[in-house]
Amino acid sequence: MKFLFSAVALLVVPLAILHAAEIKISPVFGDHAVLQRDQAVPVWGTADAGANVSVEFAGQTKSAVADGTGRWMVTLDSMPPCAEPRDLKVSGNVVKDVLVGEVWLCGGQSNMEWALSRCVGGPDTVEHAANPLLRLCLVPHNSQMTPQTDVAAKWFVSAPNGVKQFSAIGYWFGSKLQKELGVPVGIINNSYGGTAIESWLPLETLKNGPWPHDKQSDIDLAKADYDRRKEAIKPAMEKYEADKAAALRDHKPAPAFPAGWPGEFRGPSVLWNGEVAPLLPYRIRGVAWYQGESNAYAGRAQTYKELLPALIRDWRQGFGQPDLPFMIFQISRNRKPQTDPNELSGIAELQEAQLKTAQQTPHTALVVTDDLGEPDVHYTNKEPAAERGLKAALALAYGRTIESSGPVFADMKIDGDKAVLQFTQTAGGLVSKDGPLQGFVIAGEDKNFVFADARIEGDSIVVSSPKVPKPVAVRYGWADNPSVNLFNKAGLPASPFRTDAWPLVALPKSKQ
């Protein structure tokens, strides 16, 4: 009996040891990852409650004990950049080929997600994308109703086969930054097309904000509405699936997909839950945020001026970096070309919210893209936007003295029948690109705008119209898809702006 007991004990003890040793590192720390240089770097994962965890990297050894929920975290000391691949060891687990350099998170919706291979110059860029010092990380779409601890993020080394479907702006920004700084660069692509800003904010923030508490900001109301729409189209989807199967069997063309299918639920908070929370608090240098198209509609855009600062605040708190640099890529013009000088534009209103957020929030910068826009919301000339992002990052996050902003409206004075606009950030002068200035409208006290004549005089622009003898307000680029061509001598475009603070309600139609 004693021998039998000893044999059983020998079997049980190793099993217990193996179970206790089941220690995992967060998936965001994968092979080929980049860790942020010159900052203390949190590293975390899961284990059995009370398990001892040892982390080794770059000559450092850090220890932790998993808490009652099985979570553990250590913090590596600040490290200089290193292009030599090293292993990150976590209690027997090995993460291979890890570099130390600069890490940026590129987030937002479809214009950030837009694939490199689908852009002007993209196919040629793909062919020359091999760069062992540029590492790219894709966060998969992961809508969740509650905050998650893990997401299946995957790092890879920049190479032609891997970058085709990667974010064009993310790739070009990262590639240019790596060449400029000469250190390893990691780009985390965390974007999802067709998503509103509310999807990227925590539930508690949305509950307590000044915006309406409706299906745009309340996850339960949004999910109930989504379920109703999905149920209503269910019969059409069932018929579609049956007809599709029959067509396949009979070698006939597939039927048309039913209109109105809501797709995956992308309501309030679901991407904070599934795609942001699992990354926290991965150490990064900054965020490049390109989102807003799904909020850019008259009657909805007015809340963006509170939502965007809230997102910046929450992300900074989540990443544990109160001064985390944020580059705001301003959405571009799209939809129908402007014909009405009094157009009520959700795009212009949202662009203004992005401009003012950048002006009023410390450690932020605005990247203007309006000149690149097309009638389709997905413009394909993405490399200039990435180049402007590089300039903004060098000034914002790296302290470079570099022209990184287009002309910024500063003041207006009335001189008889003319409005004289003053600007800063002119880089030595204002420029009208490809012909006379376009995009200006002017109004008197009746608030009725008409298309205006505009000319450059030094660092000023003189705006007038014979139809407005006593001007009081000027707007530039204030429409969904206006013609705009105001730049500075550094080749950077001006943001749309307005000199008035009139309520953005339907204005009288022009009598032209």
Protein backbone atom coordinates (compact mmCIF):
# COMPACT_ATOMS: atom_id res chain seq x y z
CA MET A 1 0.00 0.00 0.00
CA LYS A 2 2.87 2.36 0.82
CA PHE A 3 4.38 1.78 -2.64
CA LEU A 4 1.00 2.39 -4.33
CA PHE A 5 0.55 5.67 -2.41
CA SER A 6 4.06 6.79 -3.39
CA ALA A 7 3.42 6.04 -7.04
CA VAL A 8 0.16 8.00 -7.02
CA ALA A 9 1.90 10.90 -5.31
CA LEU A 10 4.61 10.92 -7.95
CA LEU A 11 1.93 11.18 -10.61
CA VAL A 12 -0.12 13.87 -8.85
CA VAL A 13 2.72 16.21 -7.90
CA PRO A 14 4.04 16.81 -11.45
CA LEU A 15 0.49 17.44 -12.67
CA ALA A 16 0.01 20.02 -9.93
CA ILE A 17 3.32 21.64 -10.78
CA LEU A 18 2.39 21.79 -14.47
CA HIS A 19 -0.96 23.33 -13.64
CA ALA A 20 0.60 25.93 -11.36
CA ALA A 21 3.17 26.77 -14.01
CA GLU A 22 0.58 27.72 -16.65
CA ILE A 23 1.76 31.28 -17.11
CA LYS A 24 0.75 33.33 -20.13
CA ILE A 25 1.90 36.69 -21.46
CA SER A 26 -0.59 39.06 -23.10
CA PRO A 27 -0.86 38.43 -26.88
CA VAL A 28 0.20 42.02 -27.56
CA PHE A 29 3.70 40.88 -26.60
CA GLY A 30 4.20 38.63 -29.61
CA ASP A 31 7.16 37.55 -31.70
CA HIS A 32 8.63 40.52 -33.64
CA ALA A 33 7.19 43.10 -31.24
CA VAL A 34 8.71 46.52 -30.53
CA LEU A 35 8.94 47.86 -26.98
CA GLN A 36 8.95 51.62 -26.39
CA ARG A 37 12.40 53.08 -25.76
CA ASP A 38 13.32 55.53 -22.99
CA GLN A 39 10.25 54.70 -20.88
CA ALA A 40 9.44 52.16 -18.20
CA VAL A 41 7.62 49.32 -19.97
CA PRO A 42 4.78 47.36 -18.30
CA VAL A 43 4.61 43.67 -19.22
CA TRP A 44 1.63 41.58 -18.11
CA GLY A 45 -0.37 38.42 -18.53
CA THR A 46 -2.22 35.71 -16.62
CA ALA A 47 -1.39 32.78 -14.37
CA ASP A 48 -2.91 30.83 -11.53
CA ALA A 49 -3.70 33.04 -8.56
CA GLY A 50 -0.62 33.32 -6.36
CA ALA A 51 1.78 31.99 -9.01
CA ASN A 52 5.29 33.45 -9.11
CA VAL A 53 6.21 34.96 -12.46
CA SER A 54 9.69 35.87 -13.68
CA VAL A 55 10.30 38.15 -16.70
CA GLU A 56 13.73 38.46 -18.34
CA PHE A 57 14.70 40.92 -21.06
CA ALA A 58 17.80 42.92 -22.03
CA GLY A 59 19.70 41.89 -18.91
CA GLN A 60 16.80 42.68 -16.58
CA THR A 61 14.94 40.20 -14.40
CA LYS A 62 11.63 41.26 -12.85
CA SER A 63 9.30 39.22 -10.67
CA ALA A 64 5.63 39.35 -9.81
CA VAL A 65 2.95 37.31 -8.07
CA ALA A 66 -0.38 36.77 -9.84
CA ASP A 67 -3.25 38.36 -7.96
CA GLY A 68 -6.51 36.74 -6.93
CA THR A 69 -7.91 37.08 -10.45
CA GLY A 70 -4.80 35.55 -12.01
CA ARG A 71 -3.44 38.83 -13.38
CA TRP A 72 0.23 39.72 -13.08
CA MET A 73 2.36 42.65 -14.21
CA VAL A 74 6.01 43.70 -14.04
CA THR A 75 7.63 46.91 -15.21
CA LEU A 76 10.89 46.82 -17.15
CA ASP A 77 13.28 49.72 -16.59
CA SER A 78 13.68 52.32 -19.31
CA MET A 79 15.82 51.05 -22.21
CA PRO A 80 17.70 52.72 -25.08
CA PRO A 81 16.77 51.78 -28.64
CA CYS A 82 18.10 48.44 -29.80
CA ALA A 83 17.91 46.96 -33.31
CA GLU A 84 19.39 43.64 -32.18
CA PRO A 85 16.68 40.96 -31.85
CA ARG A 86 16.37 39.62 -28.31
CA ASP A 87 14.11 37.18 -26.51
CA LEU A 88 11.55 38.20 -23.91
CA LYS A 89 11.35 35.29 -21.45
CA VAL A 90 8.38 34.82 -19.13
CA SER A 91 8.74 31.84 -16.78
CA GLY A 92 9.65 29.44 -19.54
CA ASN A 93 7.66 31.12 -22.32
CA VAL A 94 9.78 32.82 -24.97
CA VAL A 95 8.76 35.76 -27.17
CA LYS A 96 11.29 35.94 -29.99
CA ASP A 97 12.84 38.73 -32.06
CA VAL A 98 11.86 41.69 -29.86
CA LEU A 99 13.32 45.14 -30.60
CA VAL A 100 13.30 48.40 -28.65
CA GLY A 101 12.37 51.63 -30.43
CA GLU A 102 9.39 53.85 -31.15
CA VAL A 103 5.80 52.58 -30.94
CA TRP A 104 2.74 54.40 -32.32
CA LEU A 105 -0.88 53.34 -32.28
CA CYS A 106 -2.84 54.20 -35.45
CA GLY A 107 -6.56 54.08 -34.70
CA GLY A 108 -9.91 55.09 -36.13
CA GLN A 109 -12.15 53.99 -38.97
CA SER A 110 -11.89 53.21 -42.67
CA ASN A 111 -9.52 55.93 -43.88
CA MET A 112 -7.01 54.71 -41.30
CA GLU A 113 -7.80 51.07 -42.10
CA TRP A 114 -7.60 51.59 -45.89
CA ALA A 115 -5.15 49.08 -47.37
CA LEU A 116 -1.78 50.13 -48.77
CA SER A 117 -2.28 48.07 -51.94
CA ARG A 118 -5.43 50.07 -52.81
CA CYS A 119 -3.73 53.49 -52.77
CA VAL A 120 -2.00 55.71 -55.29
CA GLY A 121 1.60 54.43 -55.34
CA GLY A 122 0.67 51.54 -53.07
CA PRO A 123 1.56 48.57 -55.30
CA ASP A 124 5.07 49.89 -55.94
CA THR A 125 5.52 50.66 -52.24
CA VAL A 126 4.47 47.09 -51.37
CA GLU A 127 7.20 45.68 -53.59
CA HIS A 128 9.86 47.65 -51.66
CA ALA A 129 8.43 47.17 -48.17
CA ALA A 130 11.10 44.85 -46.75
CA ASN A 131 12.51 46.51 -43.62
CA PRO A 132 13.56 44.46 -40.57
CA LEU A 133 13.48 47.60 -38.40
CA LEU A 134 9.81 48.32 -39.16
CA ARG A 135 7.39 46.08 -37.28
CA LEU A 136 3.63 46.12 -37.80
CA CYS A 137 0.92 44.87 -35.47
CA LEU A 138 -2.67 44.20 -36.51
CA VAL A 139 -5.43 44.28 -33.91
CA PRO A 140 -8.34 42.24 -35.32
CA HIS A 141 -11.92 43.49 -35.33
CA ASN A 142 -13.26 42.53 -31.93
CA SER A 143 -16.62 44.04 -30.93
CA GLN A 144 -17.42 43.11 -27.33
CA MET A 145 -20.24 44.02 -24.97
CA THR A 146 -17.94 44.03 -21.92
CA PRO A 147 -14.25 44.98 -21.42
CA GLN A 148 -11.82 42.22 -22.38
CA THR A 149 -8.33 41.43 -21.11
CA ASP A 150 -6.94 39.90 -24.33
CA VAL A 151 -7.18 40.39 -28.08
CA ALA A 152 -5.41 38.32 -30.75
CA ALA A 153 -3.01 41.06 -31.85
CA LYS A 154 -0.27 39.85 -34.19
CA TRP A 155 3.12 41.42 -34.93
CA PHE A 156 5.06 40.87 -38.16
CA VAL A 157 8.16 42.22 -39.87
CA SER A 158 7.52 44.65 -42.73
CA ALA A 159 7.71 42.69 -45.99
CA PRO A 160 5.84 42.75 -49.34
CA ASN A 161 3.46 39.89 -48.58
CA GLY A 162 2.51 41.24 -45.17
CA VAL A 163 1.88 44.92 -45.86
CA LYS A 164 -0.60 44.66 -48.76
CA GLN A 165 -3.67 44.84 -46.54
CA PHE A 166 -2.09 46.87 -43.75
CA SER A 167 -3.13 50.47 -43.09
CA ALA A 168 -1.68 52.69 -45.82
CA ILE A 169 -1.31 55.69 -43.53
CA GLY A 170 0.03 53.49 -40.75
CA TYR A 171 2.60 51.88 -43.03
CA TRP A 172 3.77 55.09 -44.71
CA PHE A 173 3.91 56.96 -41.41
CA GLY A 174 5.90 54.17 -39.77
CA SER A 175 8.26 53.70 -42.69
CA LYS A 176 9.01 57.41 -42.93
CA LEU A 177 9.45 57.71 -39.16
CA GLN A 178 11.84 54.74 -39.07
CA LYS A 179 14.02 56.23 -41.79
CA GLU A 180 13.95 59.68 -40.13
CA LEU A 181 14.88 58.46 -36.65
CA GLY A 182 17.09 55.53 -37.58
CA VAL A 183 15.69 53.32 -34.79
CA PRO A 184 13.22 50.43 -34.81
CA VAL A 185 9.59 51.50 -35.19
CA GLY A 186 6.46 49.57 -34.33
CA ILE A 187 3.01 50.53 -35.68
CA ILE A 188 -0.11 49.09 -34.05
CA ASN A 189 -3.04 49.26 -36.46
CA ASN A 190 -6.21 49.42 -34.36
CA SER A 191 -8.89 50.58 -36.80
CA TYR A 192 -12.33 49.44 -37.91
CA GLY A 193 -14.25 50.89 -40.85
CA GLY A 194 -17.74 52.30 -40.42
CA THR A 195 -17.40 52.91 -36.68
CA ALA A 196 -18.48 56.00 -34.73
CA ILE A 197 -16.35 57.59 -32.04
CA GLU A 198 -18.79 56.32 -29.40
CA SER A 199 -17.63 52.76 -30.17
CA TRP A 200 -14.13 53.67 -28.96
CA LEU A 201 -15.15 55.19 -25.61
CA PRO A 202 -15.73 53.47 -22.24
CA LEU A 203 -19.28 52.84 -21.15
CA GLU A 204 -18.96 54.98 -18.00
CA THR A 205 -17.80 57.99 -20.01
CA LEU A 206 -20.75 57.68 -22.38
CA LYS A 207 -23.17 57.34 -19.47
CA ASN A 208 -21.95 60.51 -17.77
CA GLY A 209 -21.29 62.84 -20.71
CA PRO A 210 -23.23 65.97 -21.80
CA TRP A 211 -24.40 64.40 -25.08
CA PRO A 212 -27.89 62.88 -25.55
CA HIS A 213 -28.28 59.46 -23.99
CA ASP A 214 -29.77 57.70 -27.00
CA LYS A 215 -28.87 54.76 -29.20
CA GLN A 216 -25.72 56.57 -30.34
CA SER A 217 -24.29 56.53 -26.81
CA ASP A 218 -26.27 53.88 -24.88
CA ILE A 219 -25.07 50.34 -25.59
CA ASP A 220 -28.33 48.72 -24.46
CA LEU A 221 -30.51 50.95 -26.64
CA ALA A 222 -28.14 50.45 -29.56
CA LYS A 223 -28.11 46.67 -29.18
CA ALA A 224 -31.91 46.51 -28.94
CA ASP A 225 -32.23 48.55 -32.13
CA TYR A 226 -29.62 46.37 -33.85
CA ASP A 227 -31.45 43.19 -32.81
CA ARG A 228 -34.75 44.56 -34.15
CA ARG A 229 -33.20 45.38 -37.51
CA LYS A 230 -31.48 42.01 -37.69
CA GLU A 231 -34.69 40.16 -36.86
CA ALA A 232 -36.67 42.14 -39.46
CA ILE A 233 -34.31 41.10 -42.26
CA LYS A 234 -33.94 37.51 -41.07
CA PRO A 235 -36.52 36.07 -43.54
CA ALA A 236 -34.75 37.78 -46.46
CA MET A 237 -31.40 36.42 -45.26
CA GLU A 238 -32.77 32.89 -44.94
CA LYS A 239 -34.16 33.09 -48.48
CA TYR A 240 -30.84 34.47 -49.71
CA GLU A 241 -28.92 31.57 -48.16
CA ALA A 242 -31.32 29.03 -49.69
CA ASP A 243 -31.17 30.71 -53.12
CA LYS A 244 -27.39 30.91 -52.89
CA ALA A 245 -27.11 27.21 -52.15
CA ALA A 246 -29.44 26.40 -55.06
CA ALA A 247 -27.46 28.63 -57.40
CA LEU A 248 -24.23 26.94 -56.37
CA ARG A 249 -25.77 23.51 -56.91
CA ASP A 250 -27.13 24.46 -60.34
CA HIS A 251 -23.97 26.34 -61.38
CA LYS A 252 -25.84 29.63 -61.68
CA PRO A 253 -24.85 33.16 -60.55
CA ALA A 254 -25.34 33.88 -56.85
CA PRO A 255 -28.35 36.07 -55.93
CA ALA A 256 -27.93 39.67 -54.82
CA PHE A 257 -27.18 40.13 -51.13
CA PRO A 258 -30.20 41.59 -49.28
CA ALA A 259 -30.07 45.33 -48.61
CA GLY A 260 -30.25 46.42 -45.00
CA TRP A 261 -28.19 43.70 -43.34
CA PRO A 262 -26.64 45.41 -40.28
CA GLY A 263 -23.43 43.37 -40.22
CA GLU A 264 -21.52 42.97 -36.97
CA PHE A 265 -22.72 45.05 -34.02
CA ARG A 266 -20.51 48.15 -33.80
CA GLY A 267 -22.36 50.12 -31.15
CA PRO A 268 -21.21 52.28 -28.24
CA SER A 269 -18.19 51.08 -26.24
CA VAL A 270 -17.77 47.76 -28.07
CA LEU A 271 -14.37 48.63 -29.56
CA TRP A 272 -13.10 50.16 -26.34
CA ASN A 273 -14.08 46.85 -24.78
CA GLY A 274 -12.59 44.58 -27.43
CA GLU A 275 -9.74 46.49 -29.05
CA VAL A 276 -8.50 49.16 -26.63
CA ALA A 277 -8.89 47.72 -23.11
CA PRO A 278 -6.82 44.60 -23.98
CA LEU A 279 -3.88 46.81 -25.02
CA LEU A 280 -3.74 48.77 -21.78
CA PRO A 281 -1.20 49.82 -20.60
CA TYR A 282 1.17 48.89 -23.47
CA ARG A 283 3.73 51.65 -23.59
CA ILE A 284 3.55 53.77 -26.77
CA ARG A 285 5.00 57.08 -27.96
CA GLY A 286 1.76 58.44 -29.34
CA VAL A 287 -1.56 57.97 -31.11
CA ALA A 288 -2.50 58.82 -34.69
CA TRP A 289 -6.30 59.10 -34.67
CA TYR A 290 -8.25 59.19 -37.94
CA GLN A 291 -11.99 58.93 -37.35
CA GLY A 292 -15.12 61.02 -37.68
CA GLU A 293 -16.77 60.18 -40.98
CA SER A 294 -19.47 58.13 -39.24
CA ASN A 295 -20.27 61.11 -36.99
CA ALA A 296 -20.14 63.76 -39.72
CA TYR A 297 -23.82 64.37 -40.32
CA ALA A 298 -25.89 67.46 -39.63
CA GLY A 299 -27.79 66.84 -36.43
CA ARG A 300 -25.15 64.48 -35.08
CA ALA A 301 -21.78 66.17 -35.58
CA GLN A 302 -22.44 68.72 -32.84
CA THR A 303 -21.52 66.23 -30.08
CA TYR A 304 -18.05 65.55 -31.48
CA LYS A 305 -16.61 68.65 -29.80
CA GLU A 306 -17.17 66.93 -26.43
CA LEU A 307 -16.61 63.33 -27.54
CA LEU A 308 -13.13 63.77 -29.04
CA PRO A 309 -11.59 65.45 -25.96
CA ALA A 310 -13.22 62.74 -23.84
CA LEU A 311 -11.62 60.03 -25.96
CA ILE A 312 -8.18 61.64 -25.69
CA ARG A 313 -8.57 61.93 -21.92
CA ASP A 314 -9.72 58.32 -21.51
CA TRP A 315 -7.03 56.85 -23.74
CA ARG A 316 -4.32 58.81 -21.95
CA GLN A 317 -5.61 57.58 -18.62
CA GLY A 318 -5.88 54.01 -19.87
CA PHE A 319 -2.35 53.93 -21.25
CA GLY A 320 -1.07 55.57 -18.07
CA GLN A 321 0.45 58.46 -20.03
CA PRO A 322 -1.19 61.80 -19.12
CA ASP A 323 0.75 63.70 -21.80
CA LEU A 324 0.44 61.05 -24.51
CA PRO A 325 0.83 62.83 -27.89
CA PHE A 326 -2.31 62.68 -30.04
CA MET A 327 -2.24 63.46 -33.74
CA ILE A 328 -5.77 64.17 -34.99
CA PHE A 329 -6.13 63.44 -38.71
CA GLN A 330 -8.91 65.79 -39.78
CA ILE A 331 -11.48 64.09 -41.99
CA SER A 332 -11.46 65.09 -45.63
CA ARG A 333 -14.12 66.59 -47.86
CA ASN A 334 -16.33 64.12 -49.72
CA ARG A 335 -19.90 63.62 -51.02
CA LYS A 336 -21.46 66.05 -53.53
CA PRO A 337 -19.48 69.13 -54.68
CA GLN A 338 -20.61 72.36 -53.07
CA THR A 339 -23.15 74.47 -54.96
CA ASP A 340 -24.82 76.29 -52.04
CA PRO A 341 -22.80 78.85 -50.02
CA ASN A 342 -25.21 78.28 -47.11
CA GLU A 343 -24.81 74.52 -47.06
CA LEU A 344 -25.51 72.91 -43.69
CA SER A 345 -22.51 70.59 -43.50
CA GLY A 346 -21.95 67.86 -40.95
CA ILE A 347 -18.44 67.37 -42.33
CA ALA A 348 -17.49 71.02 -41.79
CA GLU A 349 -18.96 71.00 -38.29
CA LEU A 350 -16.97 67.91 -37.37
CA GLN A 351 -13.80 69.33 -38.92
CA GLU A 352 -14.26 72.39 -36.71
CA ALA A 353 -14.54 70.16 -33.65
CA GLN A 354 -11.28 68.47 -34.60
CA LEU A 355 -9.58 71.84 -35.18
CA LYS A 356 -10.71 73.29 -31.87
CA THR A 357 -9.80 70.12 -29.97
CA ALA A 358 -6.27 70.35 -31.33
CA GLN A 359 -6.08 74.04 -30.43
CA GLN A 360 -7.43 73.61 -26.91
CA THR A 361 -5.99 70.24 -25.81
CA PRO A 362 -2.31 70.08 -24.78
CA HIS A 363 0.05 67.71 -26.60
CA THR A 364 -2.12 67.36 -29.69
CA ALA A 365 -1.65 68.27 -33.35
CA LEU A 366 -3.98 68.54 -36.34
CA VAL A 367 -3.19 66.87 -39.66
CA VAL A 368 -5.29 68.49 -42.42
CA THR A 369 -6.33 66.30 -45.37
CA ASP A 370 -9.14 68.36 -46.95
CA ASP A 371 -7.30 69.01 -50.22
CA LEU A 372 -6.90 65.25 -50.77
CA GLY A 373 -10.63 64.53 -50.67
CA GLU A 374 -12.75 63.02 -53.40
CA PRO A 375 -16.50 62.47 -53.78
CA ASP A 376 -15.89 58.97 -52.39
CA VAL A 377 -15.12 59.12 -48.67
CA HIS A 378 -12.17 56.79 -49.24
CA TYR A 379 -9.70 58.98 -51.10
CA THR A 380 -6.75 56.98 -52.40
CA ASN A 381 -3.87 59.49 -52.26
CA LYS A 382 -2.87 58.57 -48.71
CA GLU A 383 0.91 59.09 -48.77
CA PRO A 384 0.71 62.93 -48.48
CA ALA A 385 -1.47 62.49 -45.38
CA ALA A 386 1.15 60.17 -43.87
CA GLU A 387 3.92 62.65 -44.71
CA ARG A 388 2.01 65.41 -42.94
CA GLY A 389 1.55 63.05 -40.00
CA LEU A 390 5.32 62.52 -39.90
CA LYS A 391 5.93 66.28 -39.72
CA ALA A 392 3.33 66.66 -36.98
CA ALA A 393 4.91 63.80 -35.00
CA LEU A 394 8.42 65.19 -35.31
CA ALA A 395 7.26 68.52 -33.92
CA LEU A 396 4.82 67.18 -31.33
CA ALA A 397 6.58 64.11 -29.93
CA TYR A 398 10.24 64.64 -30.77
CA GLY A 399 10.71 68.37 -30.29
CA ARG A 400 11.88 69.07 -33.84
CA THR A 401 11.72 72.64 -35.11
CA ILE A 402 9.85 71.95 -38.31
CA GLU A 403 6.95 73.41 -40.24
CA SER A 404 4.15 71.01 -39.38
CA SER A 405 0.96 73.07 -39.65
CA GLY A 406 -0.89 74.76 -42.45
CA PRO A 407 -2.14 78.36 -42.15
CA VAL A 408 -4.22 78.97 -39.04
CA PHE A 409 -6.89 81.68 -38.96
CA ALA A 410 -6.10 84.19 -36.19
CA ASP A 411 -8.27 87.31 -36.56
CA MET A 412 -10.60 89.28 -38.82
CA LYS A 413 -10.95 93.03 -39.28
CA ILE A 414 -13.58 94.81 -41.35
CA ASP A 415 -12.29 97.47 -43.76
CA GLY A 416 -15.32 99.07 -45.41
CA ASP A 417 -16.85 96.45 -47.66
CA LYS A 418 -13.97 94.02 -47.18
CA ALA A 419 -13.06 91.46 -44.53
CA VAL A 420 -9.33 91.18 -43.86
CA LEU A 421 -8.28 87.84 -42.37
CA GLN A 422 -5.01 87.39 -40.46
CA PHE A 423 -3.16 84.05 -40.20
CA THR A 424 -0.39 82.41 -38.26
CA GLN A 425 1.69 79.38 -39.34
CA THR A 426 2.24 80.84 -42.79
CA ALA A 427 5.79 79.46 -43.15
CA GLY A 428 6.84 82.66 -44.86
CA GLY A 429 3.68 83.35 -46.79
CA LEU A 430 0.25 82.23 -47.94
CA VAL A 431 -0.16 80.37 -51.23
CA SER A 432 -3.08 79.90 -53.57
CA LYS A 433 -2.45 76.51 -55.15
CA ASP A 434 -3.33 75.96 -58.80
CA GLY A 435 -5.15 79.21 -59.49
CA PRO A 436 -7.13 81.93 -57.67
CA LEU A 437 -8.26 81.34 -54.10
CA GLN A 438 -11.39 79.21 -53.76
CA GLY A 439 -13.62 78.10 -50.95
CA PHE A 440 -14.50 81.46 -49.31
CA VAL A 441 -18.03 82.68 -48.58
CA ILE A 442 -19.06 85.95 -46.93
CA ALA A 443 -22.18 87.22 -45.14
CA GLY A 444 -23.64 90.36 -43.63
CA GLU A 445 -25.86 90.73 -40.59
CA ASP A 446 -28.62 88.77 -42.35
CA LYS A 447 -26.41 85.66 -42.05
CA ASN A 448 -26.93 84.89 -45.73
CA PHE A 449 -23.65 83.72 -47.25
CA VAL A 450 -22.63 84.24 -50.85
CA PHE A 451 -19.57 82.98 -52.72
CA ALA A 452 -16.80 85.53 -52.28
CA ASP A 453 -13.75 86.92 -54.05
CA ALA A 454 -10.54 86.38 -52.08
CA ARG A 455 -6.96 87.48 -52.64
CA ILE A 456 -3.72 87.14 -50.71
CA GLU A 457 -1.97 90.23 -49.37
CA GLY A 458 1.11 89.18 -47.37
CA ASP A 459 -0.01 87.11 -44.38
CA SER A 460 -3.59 88.31 -44.87
CA ILE A 461 -6.47 87.44 -47.13
CA VAL A 462 -8.92 90.07 -48.30
CA VAL A 463 -12.44 88.72 -48.83
CA SER A 464 -15.35 90.59 -50.42
CA SER A 465 -18.47 90.43 -52.58
CA PRO A 466 -20.48 93.21 -54.22
CA LYS A 467 -23.57 91.47 -52.79
CA VAL A 468 -22.39 92.05 -49.21
CA PRO A 469 -21.58 95.77 -48.70
CA LYS A 470 -21.27 95.37 -44.90
CA PRO A 471 -19.62 92.02 -44.17
CA VAL A 472 -19.60 90.54 -40.68
CA ALA A 473 -18.57 86.90 -41.23
CA VAL A 474 -16.40 84.74 -43.49
CA ARG A 475 -16.15 80.99 -43.84
CA TYR A 476 -13.60 78.87 -45.69
CA GLY A 477 -14.18 75.33 -46.92
CA TRP A 478 -17.48 75.22 -45.07
CA ALA A 479 -19.28 72.45 -46.95
CA ASP A 480 -19.21 68.68 -47.39
CA ASN A 481 -17.13 68.87 -50.57
CA PRO A 482 -15.93 72.42 -51.30
CA SER A 483 -13.17 73.54 -53.65
CA VAL A 484 -10.24 74.57 -51.44
CA ASN A 485 -6.68 75.63 -52.25
CA LEU A 486 -5.22 77.74 -49.41
CA PHE A 487 -1.73 76.58 -48.38
CA ASN A 488 1.37 78.04 -46.77
CA LYS A 489 4.83 78.13 -48.32
CA ALA A 490 5.70 74.84 -46.62
CA GLY A 491 3.06 73.19 -48.84
CA LEU A 492 0.65 72.48 -45.99
CA PRO A 493 -3.11 73.18 -46.38
CA ALA A 494 -5.36 75.30 -44.19
CA SER A 495 -8.14 73.72 -42.18
CA PRO A 496 -11.71 74.78 -42.93
CA PHE A 497 -12.76 77.51 -40.50
CA ARG A 498 -15.33 80.21 -39.81
CA THR A 499 -15.09 83.62 -38.18
CA ASP A 500 -18.63 83.51 -36.76
CA ALA A 501 -20.08 81.60 -33.84
CA TRP A 502 -23.63 81.49 -35.19
CA PRO A 503 -25.73 78.45 -34.31
CA LEU A 504 -25.32 75.82 -37.02
CA VAL A 505 -28.94 75.57 -38.09
CA ALA A 506 -30.40 75.63 -41.57
CA LEU A 507 -29.51 78.97 -43.13
CA PRO A 508 -31.41 80.81 -45.86
CA LYS A 509 -30.66 79.69 -49.37
CA SER A 510 -28.53 81.98 -51.51
CA LYS A 511 -30.46 84.24 -53.88
CA GLN A 512 -27.72 84.02 -56.47
